[in-house]
Amino acid sequence: MENVLKGKHIGFSHFREEYIEHIAKQQWDNELLRHLSWDALHPWGLEEWKDFTINKGEDDRFLFAILENTTEKFIGWVSLSDVQLKNRGANLGIAILQKEQRGQGYGFEAVSLICKFAFYELGLHKIRLAVNSNNQKAIHVYEKVGFKKEGIDREALFQDGQWLDIYNYGILQKEWLQMIKAES
């Protein structure tokens, strides 16, 4: 049986206290803040981050810590939220915290793994995400995994004194399966 929570370089785990402290420190990284699709004008304290990471037994959210396999170093998080069991869809969120860890392929592998989990284990039909139009690195990762741009939320983000668009992407299970088949 294939492990859908572990890839070649990274794997998923539950959150530990030290990860939460790491997130609280890293939230001040300007590049990280600017690319989250949240309104990050009010950074969180430890208690807010702890509340964010706690699994409350809800079926509509799956949140995983991303760990590097050989060192078990905490890299970031990936989530499926607003999981809809009837319509079989979810929203994807991801953050690679340290600047040095970005651009190393961890994001691509984490997005690929969460798709595998969503489609193979949860039986989802579609995964959606929103990305800031100025986050070209993330857009490249999502398109490489197979996500398609489905729409534009025009001038939805105010940054550096100007309005930017937010792009909406999605991938269907059958598209992802075709892509996996073509790669093998």
N, C-alpha and C. Protein backbone atom coordinates (compact mmCIF):
# COMPACT_ATOMS: atom_id res chain seq x y z
N MET A 1 0.84 -1.17 0.00
CA MET A 1 0.00 0.00 0.00
C MET A 1 0.89 1.25 0.00
N GLU A 2 0.56 2.19 -0.87
CA GLU A 2 1.34 3.41 -1.01
C GLU A 2 1.02 4.39 0.12
N ASN A 3 2.06 5.06 0.64
CA ASN A 3 1.88 6.06 1.67
C ASN A 3 1.59 7.41 1.00
N VAL A 4 0.37 7.89 1.13
CA VAL A 4 -0.03 9.14 0.47
C VAL A 4 0.38 10.37 1.27
N LEU A 5 0.96 10.18 2.44
CA LEU A 5 1.38 11.31 3.26
C LEU A 5 2.89 11.49 3.28
N LYS A 6 3.61 10.73 2.45
CA LYS A 6 5.06 10.84 2.42
C LYS A 6 5.54 10.76 0.98
N GLY A 7 6.36 11.73 0.61
CA GLY A 7 6.93 11.76 -0.73
C GLY A 7 8.42 11.46 -0.69
N LYS A 8 9.09 11.80 -1.75
CA LYS A 8 10.53 11.52 -1.87
C LYS A 8 11.35 12.37 -0.89
N HIS A 9 11.01 13.65 -0.75
CA HIS A 9 11.79 14.57 0.07
C HIS A 9 11.06 15.10 1.30
N ILE A 10 9.74 15.07 1.27
CA ILE A 10 8.95 15.61 2.39
C ILE A 10 7.83 14.65 2.77
N GLY A 11 7.28 14.90 3.95
CA GLY A 11 6.12 14.15 4.41
C GLY A 11 5.23 15.05 5.24
N PHE A 12 4.04 14.58 5.54
CA PHE A 12 3.09 15.34 6.34
C PHE A 12 3.01 14.75 7.75
N SER A 13 2.74 15.61 8.71
CA SER A 13 2.64 15.20 10.10
C SER A 13 1.63 16.10 10.81
N HIS A 14 1.33 15.74 12.05
CA HIS A 14 0.51 16.61 12.90
C HIS A 14 1.40 17.76 13.40
N PHE A 15 0.79 18.76 13.98
CA PHE A 15 1.54 19.90 14.50
C PHE A 15 2.04 19.64 15.91
N ARG A 16 3.24 20.13 16.19
CA ARG A 16 3.83 20.07 17.52
C ARG A 16 4.00 21.50 18.02
N GLU A 17 4.14 21.65 19.31
CA GLU A 17 4.26 22.98 19.93
C GLU A 17 5.39 23.80 19.31
N GLU A 18 6.55 23.18 19.07
CA GLU A 18 7.68 23.94 18.53
C GLU A 18 7.42 24.45 17.11
N TYR A 19 6.56 23.78 16.36
CA TYR A 19 6.21 24.27 15.02
C TYR A 19 5.42 25.57 15.12
N ILE A 20 4.54 25.64 16.10
CA ILE A 20 3.71 26.82 16.29
C ILE A 20 4.58 28.03 16.63
N GLU A 21 5.56 27.82 17.49
CA GLU A 21 6.50 28.90 17.83
C GLU A 21 7.27 29.36 16.59
N HIS A 22 7.65 28.42 15.76
CA HIS A 22 8.37 28.72 14.53
C HIS A 22 7.50 29.57 13.58
N ILE A 23 6.24 29.20 13.45
CA ILE A 23 5.31 29.96 12.60
C ILE A 23 5.17 31.38 13.12
N ALA A 24 5.00 31.54 14.43
CA ALA A 24 4.82 32.86 15.01
C ALA A 24 6.02 33.76 14.71
N LYS A 25 7.23 33.20 14.72
CA LYS A 25 8.43 33.98 14.39
C LYS A 25 8.50 34.27 12.90
N GLN A 26 8.23 33.28 12.08
CA GLN A 26 8.38 33.43 10.62
C GLN A 26 7.30 34.31 9.99
N GLN A 27 6.19 34.54 10.69
CA GLN A 27 5.13 35.35 10.11
C GLN A 27 5.59 36.76 9.79
N TRP A 28 6.70 37.18 10.35
CA TRP A 28 7.22 38.53 10.10
C TRP A 28 8.05 38.61 8.82
N ASP A 29 8.27 37.48 8.16
CA ASP A 29 8.99 37.47 6.88
C ASP A 29 8.12 38.18 5.85
N ASN A 30 8.61 39.28 5.33
CA ASN A 30 7.83 40.12 4.41
C ASN A 30 7.34 39.34 3.19
N GLU A 31 8.20 38.51 2.60
CA GLU A 31 7.80 37.75 1.42
C GLU A 31 6.67 36.77 1.73
N LEU A 32 6.76 36.13 2.88
CA LEU A 32 5.71 35.21 3.30
C LEU A 32 4.39 35.95 3.51
N LEU A 33 4.43 37.03 4.25
CA LEU A 33 3.22 37.82 4.52
C LEU A 33 2.56 38.31 3.24
N ARG A 34 3.36 38.76 2.30
CA ARG A 34 2.83 39.37 1.08
C ARG A 34 2.16 38.36 0.16
N HIS A 35 2.51 37.09 0.30
CA HIS A 35 1.96 36.10 -0.62
C HIS A 35 0.84 35.26 -0.02
N LEU A 36 0.61 35.38 1.28
CA LEU A 36 -0.55 34.69 1.84
C LEU A 36 -1.80 35.39 1.34
N SER A 37 -2.83 34.63 1.08
CA SER A 37 -4.06 35.24 0.56
C SER A 37 -4.97 35.73 1.68
N TRP A 38 -4.45 35.77 2.91
CA TRP A 38 -5.20 36.28 4.03
C TRP A 38 -4.93 37.77 4.17
N ASP A 39 -5.76 38.43 4.93
CA ASP A 39 -5.48 39.80 5.32
C ASP A 39 -4.52 39.70 6.50
N ALA A 40 -3.25 39.93 6.24
CA ALA A 40 -2.21 39.72 7.25
C ALA A 40 -1.82 41.02 7.96
N LEU A 41 -2.69 41.99 7.97
CA LEU A 41 -2.37 43.24 8.66
C LEU A 41 -2.33 43.08 10.17
N HIS A 42 -2.93 42.02 10.68
CA HIS A 42 -2.96 41.78 12.12
C HIS A 42 -2.27 40.45 12.42
N PRO A 43 -0.93 40.46 12.51
CA PRO A 43 -0.22 39.19 12.80
C PRO A 43 -0.73 38.57 14.09
N TRP A 44 -0.68 37.25 14.12
CA TRP A 44 -1.20 36.50 15.24
C TRP A 44 -0.15 36.27 16.32
N GLY A 45 -0.62 36.06 17.54
CA GLY A 45 0.23 35.63 18.63
C GLY A 45 0.23 34.11 18.70
N LEU A 46 0.95 33.58 19.68
CA LEU A 46 1.06 32.12 19.82
C LEU A 46 -0.30 31.46 19.98
N GLU A 47 -1.18 32.05 20.76
CA GLU A 47 -2.49 31.43 21.00
C GLU A 47 -3.33 31.36 19.72
N GLU A 48 -3.28 32.41 18.90
CA GLU A 48 -4.03 32.38 17.63
C GLU A 48 -3.48 31.32 16.69
N TRP A 49 -2.14 31.21 16.63
CA TRP A 49 -1.54 30.18 15.78
C TRP A 49 -1.85 28.78 16.32
N LYS A 50 -1.85 28.65 17.63
CA LYS A 50 -2.18 27.36 18.22
C LYS A 50 -3.62 26.97 17.86
N ASP A 51 -4.53 27.92 17.96
CA ASP A 51 -5.92 27.67 17.61
C ASP A 51 -6.05 27.30 16.13
N PHE A 52 -5.27 27.95 15.27
CA PHE A 52 -5.29 27.65 13.83
C PHE A 52 -4.84 26.21 13.55
N THR A 53 -3.86 25.73 14.30
CA THR A 53 -3.27 24.42 14.01
C THR A 53 -3.97 23.25 14.70
N ILE A 54 -4.80 23.53 15.67
CA ILE A 54 -5.47 22.44 16.40
C ILE A 54 -6.53 21.79 15.53
N ASN A 55 -6.49 20.48 15.47
CA ASN A 55 -7.53 19.72 14.78
C ASN A 55 -8.67 19.53 15.77
N LYS A 56 -9.77 20.16 15.48
CA LYS A 56 -10.91 20.12 16.39
C LYS A 56 -11.87 18.99 16.05
N GLY A 57 -11.40 17.99 15.31
CA GLY A 57 -12.26 16.88 14.95
C GLY A 57 -13.24 17.22 13.84
N GLU A 58 -12.96 18.31 13.15
CA GLU A 58 -13.85 18.75 12.06
C GLU A 58 -13.56 17.94 10.80
N ASP A 59 -14.59 17.65 10.05
CA ASP A 59 -14.42 16.92 8.80
C ASP A 59 -14.21 17.85 7.62
N ASP A 60 -14.28 19.17 7.84
CA ASP A 60 -14.18 20.09 6.71
C ASP A 60 -12.80 20.72 6.57
N ARG A 61 -11.80 20.25 7.36
CA ARG A 61 -10.45 20.79 7.25
C ARG A 61 -9.42 19.73 7.60
N PHE A 62 -8.40 19.66 6.76
CA PHE A 62 -7.26 18.77 6.98
C PHE A 62 -6.02 19.65 6.91
N LEU A 63 -5.29 19.76 8.02
CA LEU A 63 -4.11 20.60 8.11
C LEU A 63 -2.92 19.74 8.51
N PHE A 64 -1.86 19.84 7.71
CA PHE A 64 -0.66 19.05 7.97
C PHE A 64 0.57 19.93 8.09
N ALA A 65 1.47 19.57 8.99
CA ALA A 65 2.81 20.15 9.02
C ALA A 65 3.61 19.47 7.92
N ILE A 66 4.43 20.23 7.22
CA ILE A 66 5.32 19.67 6.18
C ILE A 66 6.69 19.51 6.81
N LEU A 67 7.22 18.27 6.76
CA LEU A 67 8.54 17.97 7.32
C LEU A 67 9.47 17.45 6.24
N GLU A 68 10.73 17.86 6.32
CA GLU A 68 11.76 17.33 5.43
C GLU A 68 12.06 15.91 5.92
N ASN A 69 12.09 14.93 5.01
CA ASN A 69 12.17 13.51 5.41
C ASN A 69 13.44 13.14 6.17
N THR A 70 14.60 13.55 5.70
CA THR A 70 15.83 13.08 6.33
C THR A 70 16.11 13.75 7.67
N THR A 71 15.77 15.02 7.81
CA THR A 71 16.05 15.75 9.05
C THR A 71 14.83 15.93 9.94
N GLU A 72 13.64 15.69 9.40
CA GLU A 72 12.37 15.94 10.07
C GLU A 72 12.22 17.41 10.45
N LYS A 73 12.91 18.28 9.72
CA LYS A 73 12.81 19.72 9.95
C LYS A 73 11.46 20.24 9.47
N PHE A 74 10.84 21.07 10.28
CA PHE A 74 9.56 21.68 9.94
C PHE A 74 9.76 22.72 8.84
N ILE A 75 9.02 22.57 7.74
CA ILE A 75 9.17 23.43 6.57
C ILE A 75 8.00 24.41 6.45
N GLY A 76 6.80 23.97 6.79
CA GLY A 76 5.61 24.81 6.62
C GLY A 76 4.36 23.99 6.84
N TRP A 77 3.29 24.42 6.20
CA TRP A 77 2.03 23.69 6.32
C TRP A 77 1.32 23.63 4.98
N VAL A 78 0.41 22.67 4.90
CA VAL A 78 -0.47 22.53 3.75
C VAL A 78 -1.84 22.14 4.29
N SER A 79 -2.88 22.65 3.64
CA SER A 79 -4.22 22.36 4.16
C SER A 79 -5.23 22.18 3.04
N LEU A 80 -6.24 21.42 3.37
CA LEU A 80 -7.47 21.36 2.59
C LEU A 80 -8.54 21.89 3.53
N SER A 81 -9.20 22.96 3.13
CA SER A 81 -10.25 23.54 3.97
C SER A 81 -11.55 23.62 3.19
N ASP A 82 -12.61 23.91 3.90
CA ASP A 82 -13.95 23.94 3.31
C ASP A 82 -14.19 22.66 2.50
N VAL A 83 -13.79 21.52 3.08
CA VAL A 83 -13.98 20.23 2.42
C VAL A 83 -15.47 19.93 2.35
N GLN A 84 -15.95 19.74 1.16
CA GLN A 84 -17.37 19.47 0.93
C GLN A 84 -17.55 18.02 0.53
N LEU A 85 -18.14 17.25 1.42
CA LEU A 85 -18.26 15.81 1.17
C LEU A 85 -19.29 15.49 0.09
N LYS A 86 -20.38 16.26 0.02
CA LYS A 86 -21.38 16.02 -1.01
C LYS A 86 -20.87 16.42 -2.39
N ASN A 87 -20.33 17.64 -2.48
CA ASN A 87 -19.84 18.14 -3.76
C ASN A 87 -18.40 17.72 -4.05
N ARG A 88 -17.78 17.09 -3.06
CA ARG A 88 -16.43 16.51 -3.18
C ARG A 88 -15.39 17.52 -3.68
N GLY A 89 -15.34 18.65 -3.01
CA GLY A 89 -14.36 19.68 -3.33
C GLY A 89 -13.72 20.22 -2.07
N ALA A 90 -12.62 20.97 -2.25
CA ALA A 90 -11.91 21.59 -1.12
C ALA A 90 -11.05 22.73 -1.62
N ASN A 91 -10.64 23.58 -0.69
CA ASN A 91 -9.71 24.68 -0.98
C ASN A 91 -8.34 24.31 -0.46
N LEU A 92 -7.33 24.58 -1.26
CA LEU A 92 -5.93 24.29 -0.91
C LEU A 92 -5.26 25.53 -0.37
N GLY A 93 -4.47 25.35 0.68
CA GLY A 93 -3.61 26.41 1.22
C GLY A 93 -2.25 25.83 1.53
N ILE A 94 -1.20 26.62 1.34
CA ILE A 94 0.16 26.15 1.60
C ILE A 94 1.04 27.32 1.98
N ALA A 95 2.01 27.07 2.85
CA ALA A 95 3.02 28.06 3.19
C ALA A 95 4.34 27.34 3.43
N ILE A 96 5.37 27.75 2.71
CA ILE A 96 6.75 27.32 2.97
C ILE A 96 7.37 28.49 3.72
N LEU A 97 7.74 28.26 4.98
CA LEU A 97 8.06 29.37 5.87
C LEU A 97 9.42 30.03 5.63
N GLN A 98 10.48 29.27 5.59
CA GLN A 98 11.82 29.84 5.49
C GLN A 98 12.17 30.18 4.05
N LYS A 99 12.73 31.35 3.86
CA LYS A 99 13.13 31.80 2.52
C LYS A 99 14.08 30.80 1.86
N GLU A 100 15.01 30.24 2.65
CA GLU A 100 15.99 29.28 2.11
C GLU A 100 15.34 27.98 1.62
N GLN A 101 14.16 27.68 2.12
CA GLN A 101 13.48 26.45 1.75
C GLN A 101 12.57 26.63 0.54
N ARG A 102 12.32 27.86 0.15
CA ARG A 102 11.51 28.14 -1.03
C ARG A 102 12.38 27.95 -2.27
N GLY A 103 11.77 27.46 -3.34
CA GLY A 103 12.52 27.23 -4.58
C GLY A 103 13.32 25.94 -4.58
N GLN A 104 13.08 25.08 -3.58
CA GLN A 104 13.81 23.81 -3.47
C GLN A 104 12.97 22.62 -3.92
N GLY A 105 11.76 22.88 -4.40
CA GLY A 105 10.89 21.79 -4.83
C GLY A 105 9.94 21.29 -3.74
N TYR A 106 10.06 21.81 -2.52
CA TYR A 106 9.20 21.37 -1.43
C TYR A 106 7.74 21.73 -1.69
N GLY A 107 7.49 22.91 -2.21
CA GLY A 107 6.13 23.34 -2.49
C GLY A 107 5.47 22.46 -3.54
N PHE A 108 6.21 22.17 -4.61
CA PHE A 108 5.68 21.29 -5.66
C PHE A 108 5.35 19.92 -5.09
N GLU A 109 6.25 19.37 -4.30
CA GLU A 109 6.02 18.04 -3.75
C GLU A 109 4.85 18.05 -2.75
N ALA A 110 4.75 19.11 -1.95
CA ALA A 110 3.65 19.20 -0.98
C ALA A 110 2.30 19.33 -1.68
N VAL A 111 2.23 20.15 -2.74
CA VAL A 111 0.98 20.29 -3.48
C VAL A 111 0.62 18.97 -4.16
N SER A 112 1.62 18.30 -4.72
CA SER A 112 1.37 17.00 -5.36
C SER A 112 0.87 15.98 -4.35
N LEU A 113 1.48 15.96 -3.16
CA LEU A 113 1.07 15.00 -2.12
C LEU A 113 -0.34 15.29 -1.60
N ILE A 114 -0.66 16.56 -1.40
CA ILE A 114 -2.01 16.87 -0.89
C ILE A 114 -3.05 16.53 -1.94
N CYS A 115 -2.70 16.66 -3.23
CA CYS A 115 -3.63 16.24 -4.29
C CYS A 115 -3.84 14.73 -4.23
N LYS A 116 -2.76 13.99 -4.04
CA LYS A 116 -2.86 12.54 -3.93
C LYS A 116 -3.75 12.15 -2.76
N PHE A 117 -3.55 12.80 -1.62
CA PHE A 117 -4.38 12.54 -0.45
C PHE A 117 -5.85 12.87 -0.73
N ALA A 118 -6.07 14.04 -1.32
CA ALA A 118 -7.44 14.50 -1.60
C ALA A 118 -8.17 13.57 -2.56
N PHE A 119 -7.48 13.18 -3.63
CA PHE A 119 -8.15 12.39 -4.67
C PHE A 119 -8.19 10.90 -4.34
N TYR A 120 -7.12 10.34 -3.75
CA TYR A 120 -7.09 8.91 -3.45
C TYR A 120 -7.77 8.54 -2.13
N GLU A 121 -7.56 9.36 -1.11
CA GLU A 121 -8.07 9.01 0.22
C GLU A 121 -9.44 9.61 0.53
N LEU A 122 -9.62 10.86 0.15
CA LEU A 122 -10.90 11.53 0.44
C LEU A 122 -11.91 11.37 -0.69
N GLY A 123 -11.44 10.95 -1.86
CA GLY A 123 -12.33 10.78 -3.01
C GLY A 123 -12.88 12.10 -3.53
N LEU A 124 -12.10 13.18 -3.37
CA LEU A 124 -12.58 14.47 -3.85
C LEU A 124 -12.60 14.51 -5.37
N HIS A 125 -13.42 15.38 -5.89
CA HIS A 125 -13.56 15.59 -7.33
C HIS A 125 -12.76 16.80 -7.80
N LYS A 126 -12.63 17.82 -6.93
CA LYS A 126 -11.98 19.07 -7.34
C LYS A 126 -11.28 19.73 -6.15
N ILE A 127 -10.14 20.33 -6.44
CA ILE A 127 -9.42 21.16 -5.48
C ILE A 127 -9.31 22.55 -6.07
N ARG A 128 -9.61 23.55 -5.24
CA ARG A 128 -9.55 24.95 -5.66
C ARG A 128 -8.49 25.68 -4.85
N LEU A 129 -8.01 26.80 -5.38
CA LEU A 129 -7.11 27.67 -4.62
C LEU A 129 -7.19 29.08 -5.16
N ALA A 130 -6.76 30.02 -4.34
CA ALA A 130 -6.66 31.42 -4.74
C ALA A 130 -5.21 31.84 -4.54
N VAL A 131 -4.66 32.59 -5.50
CA VAL A 131 -3.27 33.02 -5.42
C VAL A 131 -3.17 34.47 -5.88
N ASN A 132 -2.35 35.23 -5.17
CA ASN A 132 -2.13 36.62 -5.56
C ASN A 132 -1.46 36.67 -6.92
N SER A 133 -1.87 37.60 -7.76
CA SER A 133 -1.35 37.67 -9.13
C SER A 133 0.14 37.99 -9.18
N ASN A 134 0.70 38.53 -8.12
CA ASN A 134 2.13 38.84 -8.11
C ASN A 134 2.98 37.71 -7.53
N ASN A 135 2.38 36.58 -7.24
CA ASN A 135 3.10 35.43 -6.68
C ASN A 135 3.43 34.44 -7.81
N GLN A 136 4.32 34.85 -8.69
CA GLN A 136 4.64 34.07 -9.87
C GLN A 136 5.25 32.70 -9.56
N LYS A 137 6.02 32.60 -8.49
CA LYS A 137 6.62 31.31 -8.13
C LYS A 137 5.54 30.29 -7.77
N ALA A 138 4.56 30.71 -6.99
CA ALA A 138 3.47 29.81 -6.61
C ALA A 138 2.62 29.45 -7.84
N ILE A 139 2.35 30.42 -8.67
CA ILE A 139 1.57 30.16 -9.89
C ILE A 139 2.27 29.10 -10.74
N HIS A 140 3.58 29.21 -10.86
CA HIS A 140 4.36 28.22 -11.62
C HIS A 140 4.20 26.82 -11.02
N VAL A 141 4.27 26.72 -9.70
CA VAL A 141 4.11 25.43 -9.02
C VAL A 141 2.73 24.86 -9.28
N TYR A 142 1.69 25.66 -9.10
CA TYR A 142 0.32 25.18 -9.28
C TYR A 142 0.08 24.70 -10.71
N GLU A 143 0.56 25.46 -11.68
CA GLU A 143 0.38 25.06 -13.07
C GLU A 143 1.19 23.81 -13.41
N LYS A 144 2.37 23.67 -12.80
CA LYS A 144 3.19 22.48 -13.01
C LYS A 144 2.50 21.22 -12.48
N VAL A 145 1.78 21.37 -11.35
CA VAL A 145 1.03 20.25 -10.78
C VAL A 145 -0.18 19.92 -11.65
N GLY A 146 -0.70 20.92 -12.39
CA GLY A 146 -1.83 20.67 -13.28
C GLY A 146 -3.04 21.56 -13.04
N PHE A 147 -2.94 22.48 -12.10
CA PHE A 147 -4.05 23.40 -11.84
C PHE A 147 -4.26 24.32 -13.04
N LYS A 148 -5.53 24.63 -13.31
CA LYS A 148 -5.91 25.51 -14.42
C LYS A 148 -6.51 26.79 -13.86
N LYS A 149 -6.16 27.92 -14.48
CA LYS A 149 -6.74 29.19 -14.07
C LYS A 149 -8.21 29.19 -14.47
N GLU A 150 -9.08 29.43 -13.50
CA GLU A 150 -10.52 29.39 -13.75
C GLU A 150 -11.18 30.76 -13.68
N GLY A 151 -10.50 31.72 -13.11
CA GLY A 151 -11.11 33.04 -13.02
C GLY A 151 -10.19 34.04 -12.36
N ILE A 152 -10.60 35.29 -12.41
CA ILE A 152 -9.83 36.38 -11.84
C ILE A 152 -10.75 37.22 -10.96
N ASP A 153 -10.34 37.41 -9.73
CA ASP A 153 -11.03 38.32 -8.83
C ASP A 153 -10.28 39.64 -8.97
N ARG A 154 -10.84 40.52 -9.81
CA ARG A 154 -10.14 41.73 -10.20
C ARG A 154 -9.98 42.71 -9.03
N GLU A 155 -8.77 43.25 -8.94
CA GLU A 155 -8.43 44.27 -7.95
C GLU A 155 -8.94 43.92 -6.55
N ALA A 156 -8.65 42.72 -6.13
CA ALA A 156 -9.13 42.22 -4.83
C ALA A 156 -8.09 42.35 -3.72
N LEU A 157 -6.88 42.75 -4.08
CA LEU A 157 -5.78 42.81 -3.12
C LEU A 157 -5.11 44.18 -3.22
N PHE A 158 -4.98 44.85 -2.09
CA PHE A 158 -4.31 46.15 -2.05
C PHE A 158 -2.92 45.97 -1.47
N GLN A 159 -1.90 46.29 -2.28
CA GLN A 159 -0.52 46.08 -1.85
C GLN A 159 0.37 47.13 -2.51
N ASP A 160 1.25 47.73 -1.74
CA ASP A 160 2.17 48.75 -2.25
C ASP A 160 1.44 49.90 -2.94
N GLY A 161 0.31 50.28 -2.41
CA GLY A 161 -0.43 51.41 -2.95
C GLY A 161 -1.15 51.15 -4.25
N GLN A 162 -1.26 49.88 -4.62
CA GLN A 162 -1.97 49.55 -5.86
C GLN A 162 -2.85 48.32 -5.67
N TRP A 163 -3.84 48.19 -6.55
CA TRP A 163 -4.75 47.06 -6.52
C TRP A 163 -4.23 45.96 -7.43
N LEU A 164 -4.23 44.75 -6.90
CA LEU A 164 -3.79 43.57 -7.66
C LEU A 164 -4.94 42.57 -7.74
N ASP A 165 -4.87 41.71 -8.74
CA ASP A 165 -5.87 40.67 -8.92
C ASP A 165 -5.52 39.44 -8.08
N ILE A 166 -6.53 38.65 -7.80
CA ILE A 166 -6.34 37.32 -7.21
C ILE A 166 -6.84 36.33 -8.25
N TYR A 167 -6.00 35.34 -8.57
CA TYR A 167 -6.35 34.32 -9.55
C TYR A 167 -6.95 33.11 -8.84
N ASN A 168 -8.00 32.57 -9.41
CA ASN A 168 -8.63 31.36 -8.91
C ASN A 168 -8.24 30.20 -9.81
N TYR A 169 -7.71 29.15 -9.20
CA TYR A 169 -7.27 27.96 -9.92
C TYR A 169 -8.04 26.75 -9.42
N GLY A 170 -8.10 25.72 -10.24
CA GLY A 170 -8.72 24.47 -9.85
C GLY A 170 -8.12 23.31 -10.61
N ILE A 171 -8.25 22.14 -10.04
CA ILE A 171 -7.84 20.90 -10.71
C ILE A 171 -8.89 19.84 -10.40
N LEU A 172 -9.30 19.12 -11.42
CA LEU A 172 -10.25 18.02 -11.27
C LEU A 172 -9.49 16.72 -11.08
N GLN A 173 -10.13 15.78 -10.41
CA GLN A 173 -9.50 14.48 -10.18
C GLN A 173 -9.08 13.84 -11.49
N LYS A 174 -9.94 13.87 -12.52
CA LYS A 174 -9.61 13.22 -13.79
C LYS A 174 -8.43 13.89 -14.47
N GLU A 175 -8.27 15.21 -14.32
CA GLU A 175 -7.11 15.91 -14.90
C GLU A 175 -5.83 15.49 -14.19
N TRP A 176 -5.91 15.39 -12.87
CA TRP A 176 -4.75 15.00 -12.10
C TRP A 176 -4.34 13.56 -12.41
N LEU A 177 -5.35 12.67 -12.53
CA LEU A 177 -5.06 11.27 -12.85
C LEU A 177 -4.42 11.14 -14.24
N GLN A 178 -4.91 11.92 -15.21
CA GLN A 178 -4.31 11.91 -16.56
C GLN A 178 -2.85 12.36 -16.50
N MET A 179 -2.59 13.37 -15.73
CA MET A 179 -1.23 13.89 -15.60
C MET A 179 -0.30 12.87 -14.96
N ILE A 180 -0.78 12.21 -13.92
CA ILE A 180 0.02 11.18 -13.23
C ILE A 180 0.29 10.02 -14.20
N LYS A 181 -0.72 9.63 -14.96
CA LYS A 181 -0.58 8.55 -15.93
C LYS A 181 0.46 8.92 -16.99
N ALA A 182 0.42 10.16 -17.47
CA ALA A 182 1.36 10.61 -18.51
C ALA A 182 2.79 10.64 -17.98
N GLU A 183 2.97 10.91 -16.68
CA GLU A 183 4.31 10.98 -16.09
C GLU A 183 4.92 9.61 -15.88
N SER A 184 4.08 8.57 -15.76
CA SER A 184 4.63 7.23 -15.48
C SER A 184 4.91 6.42 -16.71
